[in-house]
Amino acid sequence: MLSFHERKTLRELQHRLLADDPDLERSFRDAPLRRALGRRVRLALTVFTACAFGVVLLLLGSPASALGIAVVAVVSWLMWLRPDDAGHGKP
C-alpha cells in the first residue's frame, strides 16, 4: 500500500506525463485491443492456410500429411475460439 505522500507523488507524475504527451494514455489503453486483434488475425490466417494446404496435400495423394495439417488447423481454430486472456496467468 502506498503512503499518502507516495500516492500524491504518483498522481503528479501521471499528470506531468499526460501533459507532456497526451497520446500516451491512448497508447496504453489501446495496446490490449491491438494485441487481441493481431492474435485473432494470425490465428485466422493459420487456420485458412492449414486448410488450404491440407486440401492440396489430399489432392496430391498424401492423406497422412493432410491429416497432420488438419490437426494443426483444429488446434488453431480452438485457440481462436478461446478467450484472449486465457492461459496468461492474469488474476
PDB file of N, CA and C in Angstrom:
ATOM      1  N   MET A   1       0.839  -1.171   0.000  1.00  0.00           N
ATOM      2  CA  MET A   1       0.000   0.000   0.000  1.00  0.00           C
ATOM      3  C   MET A   1       0.889   1.240   0.000  1.00  0.00           C
ATOM      4  N   LEU A   2       0.564   2.166  -0.868  1.00  0.00           N
ATOM      5  CA  LEU A   2       1.341   3.402  -0.944  1.00  0.00           C
ATOM      6  C   LEU A   2       0.890   4.386   0.125  1.00  0.00           C
ATOM      7  N   SER A   3       1.841   5.134   0.629  1.00  0.00           N
ATOM      8  CA  SER A   3       1.510   6.170   1.606  1.00  0.00           C
ATOM      9  C   SER A   3       0.836   7.340   0.885  1.00  0.00           C
ATOM     10  N   PHE A   4       0.279   8.241   1.658  1.00  0.00           N
ATOM     11  CA  PHE A   4      -0.373   9.417   1.085  1.00  0.00           C
ATOM     12  C   PHE A   4       0.616  10.207   0.233  1.00  0.00           C
ATOM     13  N   HIS A   5       1.815  10.402   0.744  1.00  0.00           N
ATOM     14  CA  HIS A   5       2.838  11.156   0.020  1.00  0.00           C
ATOM     15  C   HIS A   5       3.198  10.455  -1.299  1.00  0.00           C
ATOM     16  N   GLU A   6       3.328   9.139  -1.267  1.00  0.00           N
ATOM     17  CA  GLU A   6       3.666   8.387  -2.486  1.00  0.00           C
ATOM     18  C   GLU A   6       2.537   8.458  -3.513  1.00  0.00           C
ATOM     19  N   ARG A   7       1.306   8.368  -3.054  1.00  0.00           N
ATOM     20  CA  ARG A   7       0.170   8.491  -3.977  1.00  0.00           C
ATOM     21  C   ARG A   7       0.115   9.874  -4.599  1.00  0.00           C
ATOM     22  N   LYS A   8       0.381  10.898  -3.801  1.00  0.00           N
ATOM     23  CA  LYS A   8       0.373  12.272  -4.298  1.00  0.00           C
ATOM     24  C   LYS A   8       1.484  12.453  -5.340  1.00  0.00           C
ATOM     25  N   THR A   9       2.658  11.918  -5.052  1.00  0.00           N
ATOM     26  CA  THR A   9       3.781  12.000  -5.991  1.00  0.00           C
ATOM     27  C   THR A   9       3.454  11.259  -7.279  1.00  0.00           C
ATOM     28  N   LEU A  10       2.843  10.109  -7.172  1.00  0.00           N
ATOM     29  CA  LEU A  10       2.461   9.329  -8.342  1.00  0.00           C
ATOM     30  C   LEU A  10       1.446  10.082  -9.193  1.00  0.00           C
ATOM     31  N   ARG A  11       0.445  10.684  -8.572  1.00  0.00           N
ATOM     32  CA  ARG A  11      -0.552  11.475  -9.318  1.00  0.00           C
ATOM     33  C   ARG A  11       0.107  12.641 -10.040  1.00  0.00           C
ATOM     34  N   GLU A  12       1.036  13.326  -9.378  1.00  0.00           N
ATOM     35  CA  GLU A  12       1.739  14.442 -10.006  1.00  0.00           C
ATOM     36  C   GLU A  12       2.545  13.969 -11.210  1.00  0.00           C
ATOM     37  N   LEU A  13       3.206  12.843 -11.053  1.00  0.00           N
ATOM     38  CA  LEU A  13       3.985  12.277 -12.148  1.00  0.00           C
ATOM     39  C   LEU A  13       3.081  11.911 -13.317  1.00  0.00           C
ATOM     40  N   GLN A  14       1.930  11.305 -13.035  1.00  0.00           N
ATOM     41  CA  GLN A  14       0.982  10.958 -14.094  1.00  0.00           C
ATOM     42  C   GLN A  14       0.492  12.211 -14.822  1.00  0.00           C
ATOM     43  N   HIS A  15       0.169  13.250 -14.075  1.00  0.00           N
ATOM     44  CA  HIS A  15      -0.302  14.495 -14.688  1.00  0.00           C
ATOM     45  C   HIS A  15       0.778  15.111 -15.572  1.00  0.00           C
ATOM     46  N   ARG A  16       2.027  15.079 -15.113  1.00  0.00           N
ATOM     47  CA  ARG A  16       3.125  15.621 -15.921  1.00  0.00           C
ATOM     48  C   ARG A  16       3.320  14.816 -17.206  1.00  0.00           C
ATOM     49  N   LEU A  17       3.272  13.498 -17.086  1.00  0.00           N
ATOM     50  CA  LEU A  17       3.436  12.649 -18.278  1.00  0.00           C
ATOM     51  C   LEU A  17       2.322  12.900 -19.288  1.00  0.00           C
ATOM     52  N   LEU A  18       1.087  12.997 -18.809  1.00  0.00           N
ATOM     53  CA  LEU A  18      -0.033  13.256 -19.716  1.00  0.00           C
ATOM     54  C   LEU A  18       0.041  14.649 -20.325  1.00  0.00           C
ATOM     55  N   ALA A  19       0.548  15.610 -19.581  1.00  0.00           N
ATOM     56  CA  ALA A  19       0.705  16.966 -20.120  1.00  0.00           C
ATOM     57  C   ALA A  19       1.793  16.983 -21.191  1.00  0.00           C
ATOM     58  N   ASP A  20       2.860  16.224 -20.994  1.00  0.00           N
ATOM     59  CA  ASP A  20       3.948  16.170 -21.972  1.00  0.00           C
ATOM     60  C   ASP A  20       3.549  15.419 -23.234  1.00  0.00           C
ATOM     61  N   ASP A  21       2.780  14.348 -23.094  1.00  0.00           N
ATOM     62  CA  ASP A  21       2.403  13.516 -24.239  1.00  0.00           C
ATOM     63  C   ASP A  21       0.960  13.046 -24.074  1.00  0.00           C
ATOM     64  N   PRO A  22      -0.003  13.805 -24.620  1.00  0.00           N
ATOM     65  CA  PRO A  22      -1.416  13.449 -24.466  1.00  0.00           C
ATOM     66  C   PRO A  22      -1.767  12.094 -25.097  1.00  0.00           C
ATOM     67  N   ASP A  23      -1.019  11.658 -26.100  1.00  0.00           N
ATOM     68  CA  ASP A  23      -1.308  10.369 -26.746  1.00  0.00           C
ATOM     69  C   ASP A  23      -0.814   9.178 -25.938  1.00  0.00           C
ATOM     70  N   LEU A  24      -0.056   9.432 -24.888  1.00  0.00           N
ATOM     71  CA  LEU A  24       0.496   8.345 -24.082  1.00  0.00           C
ATOM     72  C   LEU A  24      -0.610   7.496 -23.458  1.00  0.00           C
ATOM     73  N   GLU A  25      -1.608   8.136 -22.899  1.00  0.00           N
ATOM     74  CA  GLU A  25      -2.700   7.387 -22.265  1.00  0.00           C
ATOM     75  C   GLU A  25      -3.418   6.512 -23.285  1.00  0.00           C
ATOM     76  N   ARG A  26      -3.692   7.057 -24.465  1.00  0.00           N
ATOM     77  CA  ARG A  26      -4.384   6.293 -25.503  1.00  0.00           C
ATOM     78  C   ARG A  26      -3.562   5.088 -25.946  1.00  0.00           C
ATOM     79  N   SER A  27      -2.244   5.248 -26.027  1.00  0.00           N
ATOM     80  CA  SER A  27      -1.407   4.123 -26.459  1.00  0.00           C
ATOM     81  C   SER A  27      -1.458   2.979 -25.458  1.00  0.00           C
ATOM     82  N   PHE A  28      -1.521   3.284 -24.164  1.00  0.00           N
ATOM     83  CA  PHE A  28      -1.636   2.234 -23.151  1.00  0.00           C
ATOM     84  C   PHE A  28      -3.026   1.599 -23.172  1.00  0.00           C
ATOM     85  N   ARG A  29      -4.033   2.418 -23.385  1.00  0.00           N
ATOM     86  CA  ARG A  29      -5.406   1.927 -23.378  1.00  0.00           C
ATOM     87  C   ARG A  29      -5.687   1.048 -24.599  1.00  0.00           C
ATOM     88  N   ASP A  30      -5.113   1.365 -25.761  1.00  0.00           N
ATOM     89  CA  ASP A  30      -5.379   0.634 -26.999  1.00  0.00           C
ATOM     90  C   ASP A  30      -4.482  -0.578 -27.202  1.00  0.00           C
ATOM     91  N   ALA A  31      -3.421  -0.715 -26.429  1.00  0.00           N
ATOM     92  CA  ALA A  31      -2.472  -1.814 -26.627  1.00  0.00           C
ATOM     93  C   ALA A  31      -3.117  -3.194 -26.496  1.00  0.00           C
ATOM     94  N   PRO A  32      -3.936  -3.487 -25.481  1.00  0.00           N
ATOM     95  CA  PRO A  32      -4.545  -4.826 -25.398  1.00  0.00           C
ATOM     96  C   PRO A  32      -5.448  -5.135 -26.592  1.00  0.00           C
ATOM     97  N   LEU A  33      -6.158  -4.125 -27.102  1.00  0.00           N
ATOM     98  CA  LEU A  33      -7.019  -4.334 -28.258  1.00  0.00           C
ATOM     99  C   LEU A  33      -6.192  -4.694 -29.490  1.00  0.00           C
ATOM    100  N   ARG A  34      -5.083  -3.978 -29.698  1.00  0.00           N
ATOM    101  CA  ARG A  34      -4.218  -4.283 -30.850  1.00  0.00           C
ATOM    102  C   ARG A  34      -3.650  -5.685 -30.733  1.00  0.00           C
ATOM    103  N   ARG A  35      -3.230  -6.088 -29.525  1.00  0.00           N
ATOM    104  CA  ARG A  35      -2.701  -7.440 -29.343  1.00  0.00           C
ATOM    105  C   ARG A  35      -3.766  -8.485 -29.623  1.00  0.00           C
ATOM    106  N   ALA A  36      -4.970  -8.260 -29.126  1.00  0.00           N
ATOM    107  CA  ALA A  36      -6.054  -9.230 -29.328  1.00  0.00           C
ATOM    108  C   ALA A  36      -6.413  -9.343 -30.801  1.00  0.00           C
ATOM    109  N   LEU A  37      -6.511  -8.208 -31.494  1.00  0.00           N
ATOM    110  CA  LEU A  37      -6.830  -8.254 -32.918  1.00  0.00           C
ATOM    111  C   LEU A  37      -5.701  -8.904 -33.703  1.00  0.00           C
ATOM    112  N   GLY A  38      -4.464  -8.599 -33.339  1.00  0.00           N
ATOM    113  CA  GLY A  38      -3.328  -9.207 -34.021  1.00  0.00           C
ATOM    114  C   GLY A  38      -3.308 -10.711 -33.828  1.00  0.00           C
ATOM    115  N   ARG A  39      -3.605 -11.166 -32.636  1.00  0.00           N
ATOM    116  CA  ARG A  39      -3.653 -12.599 -32.345  1.00  0.00           C
ATOM    117  C   ARG A  39      -4.749 -13.264 -33.154  1.00  0.00           C
ATOM    118  N   ARG A  40      -5.917 -12.660 -33.210  1.00  0.00           N
ATOM    119  CA  ARG A  40      -7.035 -13.238 -33.946  1.00  0.00           C
ATOM    120  C   ARG A  40      -6.731 -13.306 -35.443  1.00  0.00           C
ATOM    121  N   VAL A  41      -6.118 -12.290 -35.978  1.00  0.00           N
ATOM    122  CA  VAL A  41      -5.781 -12.291 -37.409  1.00  0.00           C
ATOM    123  C   VAL A  41      -4.752 -13.381 -37.707  1.00  0.00           C
ATOM    124  N   ARG A  42      -3.726 -13.498 -36.868  1.00  0.00           N
ATOM    125  CA  ARG A  42      -2.711 -14.539 -37.089  1.00  0.00           C
ATOM    126  C   ARG A  42      -3.314 -15.934 -37.027  1.00  0.00           C
ATOM    127  N   LEU A  43      -4.185 -16.164 -36.046  1.00  0.00           N
ATOM    128  CA  LEU A  43      -4.804 -17.480 -35.928  1.00  0.00           C
ATOM    129  C   LEU A  43      -5.743 -17.766 -37.095  1.00  0.00           C
ATOM    130  N   ALA A  44      -6.494 -16.752 -37.548  1.00  0.00           N
ATOM    131  CA  ALA A  44      -7.380 -16.949 -38.700  1.00  0.00           C
ATOM    132  C   ALA A  44      -6.568 -17.283 -39.942  1.00  0.00           C
ATOM    133  N   LEU A  45      -5.457 -16.588 -40.147  1.00  0.00           N
ATOM    134  CA  LEU A  45      -4.592 -16.892 -41.289  1.00  0.00           C
ATOM    135  C   LEU A  45      -3.992 -18.292 -41.180  1.00  0.00           C
ATOM    136  N   THR A  46      -3.647 -18.695 -39.962  1.00  0.00           N
ATOM    137  CA  THR A  46      -3.104 -20.042 -39.763  1.00  0.00           C
ATOM    138  C   THR A  46      -4.146 -21.097 -40.107  1.00  0.00           C
ATOM    139  N   VAL A  47      -5.375 -20.899 -39.648  1.00  0.00           N
ATOM    140  CA  VAL A  47      -6.447 -21.858 -39.939  1.00  0.00           C
ATOM    141  C   VAL A  47      -6.691 -21.930 -41.443  1.00  0.00           C
ATOM    142  N   PHE A  48      -6.808 -20.778 -42.086  1.00  0.00           N
ATOM    143  CA  PHE A  48      -7.062 -20.748 -43.525  1.00  0.00           C
ATOM    144  C   PHE A  48      -5.924 -21.414 -44.303  1.00  0.00           C
ATOM    145  N   THR A  49      -4.693 -21.075 -43.975  1.00  0.00           N
ATOM    146  CA  THR A  49      -3.538 -21.659 -44.669  1.00  0.00           C
ATOM    147  C   THR A  49      -3.457 -23.160 -44.439  1.00  0.00           C
ATOM    148  N   ALA A  50      -3.696 -23.599 -43.221  1.00  0.00           N
ATOM    149  CA  ALA A  50      -3.646 -25.032 -42.924  1.00  0.00           C
ATOM    150  C   ALA A  50      -4.721 -25.788 -43.690  1.00  0.00           C
ATOM    151  N   CYS A  51      -5.916 -25.225 -43.758  1.00  0.00           N
ATOM    152  CA  CYS A  51      -6.987 -25.882 -44.513  1.00  0.00           C
ATOM    153  C   CYS A  51      -6.641 -25.968 -45.994  1.00  0.00           C
ATOM    154  N   ALA A  52      -6.171 -24.871 -46.562  1.00  0.00           N
ATOM    155  CA  ALA A  52      -5.813 -24.875 -47.980  1.00  0.00           C
ATOM    156  C   ALA A  52      -4.674 -25.856 -48.255  1.00  0.00           C
ATOM    157  N   PHE A  53      -3.660 -25.846 -47.415  1.00  0.00           N
ATOM    158  CA  PHE A  53      -2.521 -26.749 -47.588  1.00  0.00           C
ATOM    159  C   PHE A  53      -2.957 -28.205 -47.417  1.00  0.00           C
ATOM    160  N   GLY A  54      -3.856 -28.465 -46.481  1.00  0.00           N
ATOM    161  CA  GLY A  54      -4.371 -29.815 -46.272  1.00  0.00           C
ATOM    162  C   GLY A  54      -5.124 -30.334 -47.484  1.00  0.00           C
ATOM    163  N   VAL A  55      -5.940 -29.480 -48.098  1.00  0.00           N
ATOM    164  CA  VAL A  55      -6.669 -29.877 -49.310  1.00  0.00           C
ATOM    165  C   VAL A  55      -5.697 -30.192 -50.436  1.00  0.00           C
ATOM    166  N   VAL A  56      -4.685 -29.356 -50.610  1.00  0.00           N
ATOM    167  CA  VAL A  56      -3.684 -29.600 -51.662  1.00  0.00           C
ATOM    168  C   VAL A  56      -2.980 -30.932 -51.413  1.00  0.00           C
ATOM    169  N   LEU A  57      -2.576 -31.190 -50.176  1.00  0.00           N
ATOM    170  CA  LEU A  57      -1.914 -32.464 -49.865  1.00  0.00           C
ATOM    171  C   LEU A  57      -2.836 -33.653 -50.112  1.00  0.00           C
ATOM    172  N   LEU A  58      -4.112 -33.491 -49.790  1.00  0.00           N
ATOM    173  CA  LEU A  58      -5.065 -34.568 -50.019  1.00  0.00           C
ATOM    174  C   LEU A  58      -5.220 -34.835 -51.519  1.00  0.00           C
ATOM    175  N   LEU A  59      -5.281 -33.775 -52.303  1.00  0.00           N
ATOM    176  CA  LEU A  59      -5.394 -33.927 -53.759  1.00  0.00           C
ATOM    177  C   LEU A  59      -4.134 -34.537 -54.365  1.00  0.00           C
ATOM    178  N   LEU A  60      -2.985 -34.299 -53.740  1.00  0.00           N
ATOM    179  CA  LEU A  60      -1.736 -34.856 -54.235  1.00  0.00           C
ATOM    180  C   LEU A  60      -1.530 -36.298 -53.774  1.00  0.00           C
ATOM    181  N   GLY A  61      -2.452 -36.831 -52.998  1.00  0.00           N
ATOM    182  CA  GLY A  61      -2.383 -38.221 -52.586  1.00  0.00           C
ATOM    183  C   GLY A  61      -1.578 -38.481 -51.333  1.00  0.00           C
ATOM    184  N   SER A  62      -1.553 -37.522 -50.412  1.00  0.00           N
ATOM    185  CA  SER A  62      -0.820 -37.702 -49.170  1.00  0.00           C
ATOM    186  C   SER A  62      -1.767 -37.521 -47.986  1.00  0.00           C
ATOM    187  N   PRO A  63      -2.606 -38.533 -47.725  1.00  0.00           N
ATOM    188  CA  PRO A  63      -3.605 -38.377 -46.660  1.00  0.00           C
ATOM    189  C   PRO A  63      -3.003 -38.248 -45.263  1.00  0.00           C
ATOM    190  N   ALA A  64      -1.864 -38.872 -45.002  1.00  0.00           N
ATOM    191  CA  ALA A  64      -1.251 -38.767 -43.677  1.00  0.00           C
ATOM    192  C   ALA A  64      -0.799 -37.331 -43.406  1.00  0.00           C
ATOM    193  N   SER A  65      -0.178 -36.717 -44.398  1.00  0.00           N
ATOM    194  CA  SER A  65       0.247 -35.317 -44.237  1.00  0.00           C
ATOM    195  C   SER A  65      -0.962 -34.395 -44.118  1.00  0.00           C
ATOM    196  N   ALA A  66      -1.998 -34.679 -44.903  1.00  0.00           N
ATOM    197  CA  ALA A  66      -3.212 -33.869 -44.831  1.00  0.00           C
ATOM    198  C   ALA A  66      -3.847 -33.978 -43.449  1.00  0.00           C
ATOM    199  N   LEU A  67      -3.796 -35.174 -42.861  1.00  0.00           N
ATOM    200  CA  LEU A  67      -4.331 -35.361 -41.514  1.00  0.00           C
ATOM    201  C   LEU A  67      -3.531 -34.541 -40.487  1.00  0.00           C
ATOM    202  N   GLY A  68      -2.211 -34.528 -40.621  1.00  0.00           N
ATOM    203  CA  GLY A  68      -1.374 -33.720 -39.729  1.00  0.00           C
ATOM    204  C   GLY A  68      -1.693 -32.243 -39.834  1.00  0.00           C
ATOM    205  N   ILE A  69      -1.887 -31.785 -41.068  1.00  0.00           N
ATOM    206  CA  ILE A  69      -2.241 -30.380 -41.281  1.00  0.00           C
ATOM    207  C   ILE A  69      -3.630 -30.098 -40.709  1.00  0.00           C
ATOM    208  N   ALA A  70      -4.549 -31.066 -40.822  1.00  0.00           N
ATOM    209  CA  ALA A  70      -5.889 -30.889 -40.259  1.00  0.00           C
ATOM    210  C   ALA A  70      -5.818 -30.730 -38.743  1.00  0.00           C
ATOM    211  N   VAL A  71      -4.923 -31.463 -38.103  1.00  0.00           N
ATOM    212  CA  VAL A  71      -4.744 -31.333 -36.653  1.00  0.00           C
ATOM    213  C   VAL A  71      -4.273 -29.920 -36.310  1.00  0.00           C
ATOM    214  N   VAL A  72      -3.338 -29.395 -37.091  1.00  0.00           N
ATOM    215  CA  VAL A  72      -2.867 -28.016 -36.867  1.00  0.00           C
ATOM    216  C   VAL A  72      -4.026 -27.038 -37.026  1.00  0.00           C
ATOM    217  N   ALA A  73      -4.855 -27.237 -38.034  1.00  0.00           N
ATOM    218  CA  ALA A  73      -5.993 -26.346 -38.264  1.00  0.00           C
ATOM    219  C   ALA A  73      -6.979 -26.404 -37.098  1.00  0.00           C
ATOM    220  N   VAL A  74      -7.261 -27.605 -36.606  1.00  0.00           N
ATOM    221  CA  VAL A  74      -8.217 -27.748 -35.499  1.00  0.00           C
ATOM    222  C   VAL A  74      -7.670 -27.107 -34.221  1.00  0.00           C
ATOM    223  N   VAL A  75      -6.400 -27.325 -33.918  1.00  0.00           N
ATOM    224  CA  VAL A  75      -5.805 -26.723 -32.720  1.00  0.00           C
ATOM    225  C   VAL A  75      -5.814 -25.200 -32.837  1.00  0.00           C
ATOM    226  N   SER A  76      -5.489 -24.687 -34.012  1.00  0.00           N
ATOM    227  CA  SER A  76      -5.510 -23.232 -34.222  1.00  0.00           C
ATOM    228  C   SER A  76      -6.924 -22.700 -34.080  1.00  0.00           C
ATOM    229  N   TRP A  77      -7.899 -23.421 -34.613  1.00  0.00           N
ATOM    230  CA  TRP A  77      -9.294 -22.998 -34.508  1.00  0.00           C
ATOM    231  C   TRP A  77      -9.731 -22.949 -33.041  1.00  0.00           C
ATOM    232  N   LEU A  78      -9.352 -23.966 -32.271  1.00  0.00           N
ATOM    233  CA  LEU A  78      -9.709 -23.977 -30.858  1.00  0.00           C
ATOM    234  C   LEU A  78      -9.051 -22.830 -30.103  1.00  0.00           C
ATOM    235  N   MET A  79      -7.818 -22.508 -30.459  1.00  0.00           N
ATOM    236  CA  MET A  79      -7.144 -21.364 -29.830  1.00  0.00           C
ATOM    237  C   MET A  79      -7.833 -20.067 -30.210  1.00  0.00           C
ATOM    238  N   TRP A  80      -8.362 -20.005 -31.417  1.00  0.00           N
ATOM    239  CA  TRP A  80      -9.039 -18.799 -31.897  1.00  0.00           C
ATOM    240  C   TRP A  80     -10.337 -18.592 -31.115  1.00  0.00           C
ATOM    241  N   LEU A  81     -11.020 -19.680 -30.778  1.00  0.00           N
ATOM    242  CA  LEU A  81     -12.284 -19.580 -30.049  1.00  0.00           C
ATOM    243  C   LEU A  81     -12.097 -19.286 -28.572  1.00  0.00           C
ATOM    244  N   ARG A  82     -10.914 -19.578 -28.052  1.00  0.00           N
ATOM    245  CA  ARG A  82     -10.621 -19.369 -26.635  1.00  0.00           C
ATOM    246  C   ARG A  82     -10.569 -17.866 -26.327  1.00  0.00           C
ATOM    247  N   PRO A  83     -11.026 -17.453 -25.157  1.00  0.00           N
ATOM    248  CA  PRO A  83     -10.919 -16.037 -24.798  1.00  0.00           C
ATOM    249  C   PRO A  83      -9.466 -15.553 -24.870  1.00  0.00           C
ATOM    250  N   ASP A  84      -9.281 -14.295 -25.204  1.00  0.00           N
ATOM    251  CA  ASP A  84      -7.943 -13.743 -25.427  1.00  0.00           C
ATOM    252  C   ASP A  84      -7.062 -13.765 -24.204  1.00  0.00           C
ATOM    253  N   ASP A  85      -7.630 -13.657 -23.002  1.00  0.00           N
ATOM    254  CA  ASP A  85      -6.796 -13.596 -21.801  1.00  0.00           C
ATOM    255  C   ASP A  85      -6.590 -14.960 -21.146  1.00  0.00           C
ATOM    256  N   ALA A  86      -7.126 -16.030 -21.722  1.00  0.00           N
ATOM    257  CA  ALA A  86      -6.994 -17.356 -21.109  1.00  0.00           C
ATOM    258  C   ALA A  86      -5.554 -17.842 -21.184  1.00  0.00           C
ATOM    259  N   GLY A  87      -5.083 -18.392 -20.104  1.00  0.00           N
ATOM    260  CA  GLY A  87      -3.754 -19.005 -20.096  1.00  0.00           C
ATOM    261  C   GLY A  87      -2.600 -18.046 -19.933  1.00  0.00           C
ATOM    262  N   HIS A  88      -2.855 -16.789 -19.633  1.00  0.00           N
ATOM    263  CA  HIS A  88      -1.763 -15.836 -19.481  1.00  0.00           C
ATOM    264  C   HIS A  88      -1.381 -15.609 -18.038  1.00  0.00           C
ATOM    265  N   GLY A  89      -2.021 -16.304 -17.125  1.00  0.00           N
ATOM    266  CA  GLY A  89      -1.668 -16.202 -15.717  1.00  0.00           C
ATOM    267  C   GLY A  89      -2.132 -14.914 -15.056  1.00  0.00           C
ATOM    268  N   LYS A  90      -3.060 -14.215 -15.676  1.00  0.00           N
ATOM    269  CA  LYS A  90      -3.555 -12.982 -15.075  1.00  0.00           C
ATOM    270  C   LYS A  90      -4.654 -13.312 -14.089  1.00  0.00           C
ATOM    271  N   PRO A  91      -4.705 -12.614 -12.976  1.00  0.00           N
ATOM    272  CA  PRO A  91      -5.774 -12.883 -11.984  1.00  0.00           C
ATOM    273  C   PRO A  91      -7.110 -12.391 -12.463  1.00  0.00           C
TER     274      PRO A  91
END
